[in-house]
Structure formats: C-alpha cells, structure tokens
Amino acid sequence: MRETLGFTLQLLALVVVGTALLVGLFYDALRTEIAMLAVGGGMFLLGRELQRSR
C-alpha cells in the first residue's frame, strides 16, 4: 500500500514540476513557478520516503 502511494505521489510530483516549467515559460510567473517546483519537490521526496520505509 505504501509503495503504491509513494509511486503515485512521485508521478503527481512530476506532473506538477512539468506544469510549473510551462507556467514559467509561457506566463513568465517566476514566483508561481518556484512555489510549484518546491511543492513538486516535496511531494517527490515524500513519495520516495514512503517507498523506502517498509
């Protein structure tokens, strides 16, 4: 169960990071991009930690 949740969080984090890069590129919203990158990075690390702990 934890592995599936961890993988899902990592996948969603990659979507958030990709979206953040597009927001920064097309809308030139640097603060929003950085905030989204931070949230995506946190989600990715949380998912990785969930996958590791068994």
PDB file of N, CA and C in Angstrom:
ATOM      1  N   MET A   1       0.824  -1.196   0.000  1.00  0.00           N
ATOM      2  CA  MET A   1       0.000   0.000   0.000  1.00  0.00           C
ATOM      3  C   MET A   1       0.870   1.262   0.000  1.00  0.00           C
ATOM      4  N   ARG A   2       1.901   1.274   0.862  1.00  0.00           N
ATOM      5  CA  ARG A   2       2.775   2.442   0.925  1.00  0.00           C
ATOM      6  C   ARG A   2       3.543   2.629  -0.370  1.00  0.00           C
ATOM      7  N   GLU A   3       3.948   1.528  -0.984  1.00  0.00           N
ATOM      8  CA  GLU A   3       4.697   1.636  -2.236  1.00  0.00           C
ATOM      9  C   GLU A   3       3.840   2.247  -3.330  1.00  0.00           C
ATOM     10  N   THR A   4       2.587   1.855  -3.391  1.00  0.00           N
ATOM     11  CA  THR A   4       1.677   2.398  -4.402  1.00  0.00           C
ATOM     12  C   THR A   4       1.428   3.883  -4.158  1.00  0.00           C
ATOM     13  N   LEU A   5       1.216   4.252  -2.902  1.00  0.00           N
ATOM     14  CA  LEU A   5       1.002   5.659  -2.566  1.00  0.00           C
ATOM     15  C   LEU A   5       2.252   6.476  -2.877  1.00  0.00           C
ATOM     16  N   GLY A   6       3.415   5.934  -2.560  1.00  0.00           N
ATOM     17  CA  GLY A   6       4.668   6.616  -2.853  1.00  0.00           C
ATOM     18  C   GLY A   6       4.869   6.824  -4.340  1.00  0.00           C
ATOM     19  N   PHE A   7       4.586   5.777  -5.123  1.00  0.00           N
ATOM     20  CA  PHE A   7       4.722   5.886  -6.571  1.00  0.00           C
ATOM     21  C   PHE A   7       3.747   6.913  -7.134  1.00  0.00           C
ATOM     22  N   THR A   8       2.528   6.924  -6.628  1.00  0.00           N
ATOM     23  CA  THR A   8       1.523   7.886  -7.089  1.00  0.00           C
ATOM     24  C   THR A   8       1.943   9.311  -6.763  1.00  0.00           C
ATOM     25  N   LEU A   9       2.473   9.521  -5.562  1.00  0.00           N
ATOM     26  CA  LEU A   9       2.945  10.858  -5.198  1.00  0.00           C
ATOM     27  C   LEU A   9       4.093  11.298  -6.099  1.00  0.00           C
ATOM     28  N   GLN A  10       4.999  10.387  -6.415  1.00  0.00           N
ATOM     29  CA  GLN A  10       6.109  10.727  -7.291  1.00  0.00           C
ATOM     30  C   GLN A  10       5.612  11.078  -8.690  1.00  0.00           C
ATOM     31  N   LEU A  11       4.652  10.336  -9.175  1.00  0.00           N
ATOM     32  CA  LEU A  11       4.101  10.602 -10.507  1.00  0.00           C
ATOM     33  C   LEU A  11       3.396  11.960 -10.538  1.00  0.00           C
ATOM     34  N   LEU A  12       2.604  12.253  -9.518  1.00  0.00           N
ATOM     35  CA  LEU A  12       1.928  13.552  -9.448  1.00  0.00           C
ATOM     36  C   LEU A  12       2.942  14.691  -9.315  1.00  0.00           C
ATOM     37  N   ALA A  13       4.015  14.442  -8.587  1.00  0.00           N
ATOM     38  CA  ALA A  13       5.053  15.468  -8.436  1.00  0.00           C
ATOM     39  C   ALA A  13       5.691  15.791  -9.778  1.00  0.00           C
ATOM     40  N   LEU A  14       5.919  14.784 -10.594  1.00  0.00           N
ATOM     41  CA  LEU A  14       6.491  15.035 -11.920  1.00  0.00           C
ATOM     42  C   LEU A  14       5.535  15.854 -12.790  1.00  0.00           C
ATOM     43  N   VAL A  15       4.251  15.613 -12.646  1.00  0.00           N
ATOM     44  CA  VAL A  15       3.262  16.400 -13.386  1.00  0.00           C
ATOM     45  C   VAL A  15       3.277  17.849 -12.900  1.00  0.00           C
ATOM     46  N   VAL A  16       3.357  18.049 -11.585  1.00  0.00           N
ATOM     47  CA  VAL A  16       3.391  19.403 -11.020  1.00  0.00           C
ATOM     48  C   VAL A  16       4.637  20.142 -11.494  1.00  0.00           C
ATOM     49  N   VAL A  17       5.782  19.468 -11.488  1.00  0.00           N
ATOM     50  CA  VAL A  17       7.029  20.112 -11.910  1.00  0.00           C
ATOM     51  C   VAL A  17       6.971  20.465 -13.396  1.00  0.00           C
ATOM     52  N   GLY A  18       6.453  19.570 -14.210  1.00  0.00           N
ATOM     53  CA  GLY A  18       6.308  19.864 -15.636  1.00  0.00           C
ATOM     54  C   GLY A  18       5.384  21.036 -15.890  1.00  0.00           C
ATOM     55  N   THR A  19       4.292  21.080 -15.154  1.00  0.00           N
ATOM     56  CA  THR A  19       3.355  22.190 -15.277  1.00  0.00           C
ATOM     57  C   THR A  19       4.002  23.498 -14.822  1.00  0.00           C
ATOM     58  N   ALA A  20       4.797  23.425 -13.768  1.00  0.00           N
ATOM     59  CA  ALA A  20       5.481  24.624 -13.271  1.00  0.00           C
ATOM     60  C   ALA A  20       6.431  25.182 -14.317  1.00  0.00           C
ATOM     61  N   LEU A  21       7.130  24.317 -14.990  1.00  0.00           N
ATOM     62  CA  LEU A  21       8.043  24.790 -16.028  1.00  0.00           C
ATOM     63  C   LEU A  21       7.285  25.458 -17.173  1.00  0.00           C
ATOM     64  N   LEU A  22       6.133  24.915 -17.525  1.00  0.00           N
ATOM     65  CA  LEU A  22       5.320  25.540 -18.575  1.00  0.00           C
ATOM     66  C   LEU A  22       4.750  26.880 -18.113  1.00  0.00           C
ATOM     67  N   VAL A  23       4.339  26.965 -16.855  1.00  0.00           N
ATOM     68  CA  VAL A  23       3.829  28.233 -16.317  1.00  0.00           C
ATOM     69  C   VAL A  23       4.921  29.298 -16.365  1.00  0.00           C
ATOM     70  N   GLY A  24       6.119  28.923 -15.990  1.00  0.00           N
ATOM     71  CA  GLY A  24       7.221  29.877 -16.029  1.00  0.00           C
ATOM     72  C   GLY A  24       7.580  30.299 -17.434  1.00  0.00           C
ATOM     73  N   LEU A  25       7.471  29.377 -18.357  1.00  0.00           N
ATOM     74  CA  LEU A  25       7.846  29.661 -19.733  1.00  0.00           C
ATOM     75  C   LEU A  25       6.815  30.536 -20.443  1.00  0.00           C
ATOM     76  N   PHE A  26       5.540  30.201 -20.305  1.00  0.00           N
ATOM     77  CA  PHE A  26       4.506  30.896 -21.064  1.00  0.00           C
ATOM     78  C   PHE A  26       3.946  32.133 -20.369  1.00  0.00           C
ATOM     79  N   TYR A  27       3.852  32.095 -19.033  1.00  0.00           N
ATOM     80  CA  TYR A  27       3.238  33.216 -18.325  1.00  0.00           C
ATOM     81  C   TYR A  27       4.258  34.114 -17.639  1.00  0.00           C
ATOM     82  N   ASP A  28       5.525  33.714 -17.634  1.00  0.00           N
ATOM     83  CA  ASP A  28       6.596  34.496 -17.026  1.00  0.00           C
ATOM     84  C   ASP A  28       6.283  34.824 -15.568  1.00  0.00           C
ATOM     85  N   ALA A  29       5.762  33.819 -14.853  1.00  0.00           N
ATOM     86  CA  ALA A  29       5.407  33.977 -13.441  1.00  0.00           C
ATOM     87  C   ALA A  29       6.445  33.224 -12.609  1.00  0.00           C
ATOM     88  N   LEU A  30       7.523  33.903 -12.294  1.00  0.00           N
ATOM     89  CA  LEU A  30       8.649  33.249 -11.633  1.00  0.00           C
ATOM     90  C   LEU A  30       8.314  32.791 -10.214  1.00  0.00           C
ATOM     91  N   ARG A  31       7.614  33.620  -9.462  1.00  0.00           N
ATOM     92  CA  ARG A  31       7.266  33.234  -8.081  1.00  0.00           C
ATOM     93  C   ARG A  31       6.353  32.019  -8.061  1.00  0.00           C
ATOM     94  N   THR A  32       5.397  31.990  -8.946  1.00  0.00           N
ATOM     95  CA  THR A  32       4.490  30.849  -9.030  1.00  0.00           C
ATOM     96  C   THR A  32       5.250  29.602  -9.439  1.00  0.00           C
ATOM     97  N   GLU A  33       6.156  29.745 -10.385  1.00  0.00           N
ATOM     98  CA  GLU A  33       6.949  28.609 -10.843  1.00  0.00           C
ATOM     99  C   GLU A  33       7.794  28.037  -9.705  1.00  0.00           C
ATOM    100  N   ILE A  34       8.447  28.912  -8.959  1.00  0.00           N
ATOM    101  CA  ILE A  34       9.292  28.450  -7.856  1.00  0.00           C
ATOM    102  C   ILE A  34       8.457  27.770  -6.775  1.00  0.00           C
ATOM    103  N   ALA A  35       7.294  28.322  -6.479  1.00  0.00           N
ATOM    104  CA  ALA A  35       6.421  27.704  -5.479  1.00  0.00           C
ATOM    105  C   ALA A  35       5.959  26.325  -5.931  1.00  0.00           C
ATOM    106  N   MET A  36       5.582  26.207  -7.201  1.00  0.00           N
ATOM    107  CA  MET A  36       5.138  24.912  -7.715  1.00  0.00           C
ATOM    108  C   MET A  36       6.289  23.902  -7.733  1.00  0.00           C
ATOM    109  N   LEU A  37       7.493  24.370  -8.060  1.00  0.00           N
ATOM    110  CA  LEU A  37       8.649  23.478  -8.045  1.00  0.00           C
ATOM    111  C   LEU A  37       8.939  22.992  -6.628  1.00  0.00           C
ATOM    112  N   ALA A  38       8.789  23.864  -5.647  1.00  0.00           N
ATOM    113  CA  ALA A  38       9.017  23.462  -4.255  1.00  0.00           C
ATOM    114  C   ALA A  38       7.984  22.428  -3.800  1.00  0.00           C
ATOM    115  N   VAL A  39       6.732  22.647  -4.152  1.00  0.00           N
ATOM    116  CA  VAL A  39       5.680  21.693  -3.789  1.00  0.00           C
ATOM    117  C   VAL A  39       5.917  20.357  -4.489  1.00  0.00           C
ATOM    118  N   GLY A  40       6.245  20.401  -5.768  1.00  0.00           N
ATOM    119  CA  GLY A  40       6.519  19.169  -6.504  1.00  0.00           C
ATOM    120  C   GLY A  40       7.717  18.420  -5.948  1.00  0.00           C
ATOM    121  N   GLY A  41       8.755  19.153  -5.584  1.00  0.00           N
ATOM    122  CA  GLY A  41       9.925  18.518  -4.995  1.00  0.00           C
ATOM    123  C   GLY A  41       9.608  17.870  -3.655  1.00  0.00           C
ATOM    124  N   GLY A  42       8.828  18.547  -2.847  1.00  0.00           N
ATOM    125  CA  GLY A  42       8.409  17.978  -1.568  1.00  0.00           C
ATOM    126  C   GLY A  42       7.567  16.726  -1.737  1.00  0.00           C
ATOM    127  N   MET A  43       6.658  16.775  -2.690  1.00  0.00           N
ATOM    128  CA  MET A  43       5.833  15.588  -2.962  1.00  0.00           C
ATOM    129  C   MET A  43       6.693  14.420  -3.431  1.00  0.00           C
ATOM    130  N   PHE A  44       7.659  14.712  -4.288  1.00  0.00           N
ATOM    131  CA  PHE A  44       8.523  13.654  -4.804  1.00  0.00           C
ATOM    132  C   PHE A  44       9.322  13.015  -3.669  1.00  0.00           C
ATOM    133  N   LEU A  45       9.888  13.849  -2.794  1.00  0.00           N
ATOM    134  CA  LEU A  45      10.672  13.310  -1.684  1.00  0.00           C
ATOM    135  C   LEU A  45       9.807  12.532  -0.701  1.00  0.00           C
ATOM    136  N   LEU A  46       8.592  12.999  -0.466  1.00  0.00           N
ATOM    137  CA  LEU A  46       7.674  12.263   0.411  1.00  0.00           C
ATOM    138  C   LEU A  46       7.319  10.908  -0.198  1.00  0.00           C
ATOM    139  N   GLY A  47       7.065  10.892  -1.486  1.00  0.00           N
ATOM    140  CA  GLY A  47       6.778   9.624  -2.155  1.00  0.00           C
ATOM    141  C   GLY A  47       7.953   8.675  -2.114  1.00  0.00           C
ATOM    142  N   ARG A  48       9.145   9.208  -2.273  1.00  0.00           N
ATOM    143  CA  ARG A  48      10.350   8.377  -2.210  1.00  0.00           C
ATOM    144  C   ARG A  48      10.539   7.793  -0.816  1.00  0.00           C
ATOM    145  N   GLU A  49      10.269   8.608   0.184  1.00  0.00           N
ATOM    146  CA  GLU A  49      10.391   8.136   1.574  1.00  0.00           C
ATOM    147  C   GLU A  49       9.351   7.053   1.883  1.00  0.00           C
ATOM    148  N   LEU A  50       8.158   7.218   1.359  1.00  0.00           N
ATOM    149  CA  LEU A  50       7.128   6.197   1.560  1.00  0.00           C
ATOM    150  C   LEU A  50       7.503   4.882   0.892  1.00  0.00           C
ATOM    151  N   GLN A  51       8.129   4.950  -0.257  1.00  0.00           N
ATOM    152  CA  GLN A  51       8.548   3.729  -0.930  1.00  0.00           C
ATOM    153  C   GLN A  51       9.675   3.029  -0.192  1.00  0.00           C
ATOM    154  N   ARG A  52      10.563   3.799   0.425  1.00  0.00           N
ATOM    155  CA  ARG A  52      11.701   3.219   1.130  1.00  0.00           C
ATOM    156  C   ARG A  52      11.299   2.526   2.424  1.00  0.00           C
ATOM    157  N   SER A  53      10.391   3.172   3.194  1.00  0.00           N
ATOM    158  CA  SER A  53      10.017   2.609   4.515  1.00  0.00           C
ATOM    159  C   SER A  53       9.050   1.447   4.316  1.00  0.00           C
ATOM    160  N   ARG A  54       9.486   0.302   4.776  1.00  0.00           N
ATOM    161  CA  ARG A  54       8.633  -0.901   4.641  1.00  0.00           C
ATOM    162  C   ARG A  54       8.303  -1.459   5.994  1.00  0.00           C
TER     163      ARG A  54
END
